[in-house]
Amino acid sequence: MDKVGRLLQRREILKLDSYGMSQQQVTWSRVSLASDKWICCRHSNTQGEVHEDRKKLQSVTIINLAQGGLSLTYNTWAESAKMNPLKPVIALKAGNVFQVYNISTRELLSHCNMVEDVIFWTWVNVEVIAMVTAQGVFHWCLYTDVAVPQQIFRREDRLEKFQITNYQTSASLHWMAVTGLKAEEDSISAVTQLYSCDNHATQCIQAHAICFADYKLDGNRHPSTIVCLASRHDGNMDGKIHVIELGPHIAGNLAPSNHFSSIRFTEEFNTYDFPISLQVSEEYGLLYVITKYGQLYVCDVDTASCLCTLRISTEAVIFTTALDTATGGVIGINRRGQVLSVAVHPTSLVMYLRDVLNKPKQAERLEKMFRKLSFSNLKVVEYDC
């Protein structure tokens, strides 16, 4: 048995074709994973029903992962649908009209009509929907007196020719980031616009994927906001991981830190693989970097160093992920409709760091974190990393 063969467990949770989703409709624009609680799928109406204005109706299927894959299907006129990360609430978009419903009571909770065309939108927390237009980024706070979207910042000109693929905020909503991708002749280029609400300042950086987290770095007394970045430039076989502590400085903490490391892309997919998603397990101190062609890199948040890597999707590209709060791992969906879960086996990881990578301090720190948590529900499955 390989010394690193017991580090990770991978399992298939379900397949979307069991819910009436054909493989052709399992795409980034039709299937969303707002959290590890819900999957929201928009697909063809099998009865061919039409709306009163003669438009063909679509079906939206909501899969409750927290209840073993229990599903609900509705007919809708919407061209886009996304579930709230935690609540039984769905947001629908048709043109520039947005409506928000409680799926349990079917009550209309809120609605708005945007003047500008919305080219990307997403939930950023249980109360706020973000909308990206050609000119700027808007936040729609559903449960406030001001029930219309408010512009937060303007888009930089560098994003003009890029397709907007992601939008992230810190938990405090003091930091935001919008990411765009563009296909080049032999690679996929990326620009991320990072914005500070406190300073009303913006900066464009080369990053394919980004996320924020509130995390207590080693040596600090209090959690601070960190930003994690992953990039691959000009088809180079090496990518970069950055973990940067953001301001303002918190009294009692060490000076803000900035760590980075390299990851190696496999030659199998040449220049077209790139990071599509980052997930941080704040409890376990791990950063998961997921690439388009299904490579998972498990990194240490405190140092940004890569601990191990695993191919989690061998059959199709991965297009969306979420943190698996039950295991401290990650959930992903690939183009074949597989919903996959990957989790770290803590004891094996600590032994691997200590005995194979010869990193006793890192192993000791992670072991202390793991001891505070229960992993009794994890089973060990052998994989080569």
Foldseek 3Di string as FASTA:
>chain_A
DDLLFFWKDKDFLDFCVVVVDALVQLDLQAWADQAQFKIKGKAADPVQDADPVRHTWIKIKIFGNVVSGDIDIDTDPFPGKDQAHPAQKIWGHDFQKIWIARPVVRDTQAIDGDPATFQDWDDAHNFWIWTDGLWAIWIQGRPDPPRYTDGQATDDPVCNPFRWQDKYAEPVNQKIKTKGWDDDPQAIWIKIWIAGSVVRDIDIDTFQEKYKDFAQAPQAPGTFIWMWGKHDPPQDQKIKIKIWTDDDDDPRGDDTDIAMDIDGHDPPVRRYKTFNYWDALRLQQWIWTAIQQQKIWIAGNNHHHTQDIDRRDNDFTWHHKHQDNVARWIWTAGSSRTIMTMHTDLVSSLCCCCPPVVNNVVSVVSVVSCVVDDNPVDDTDTDDD
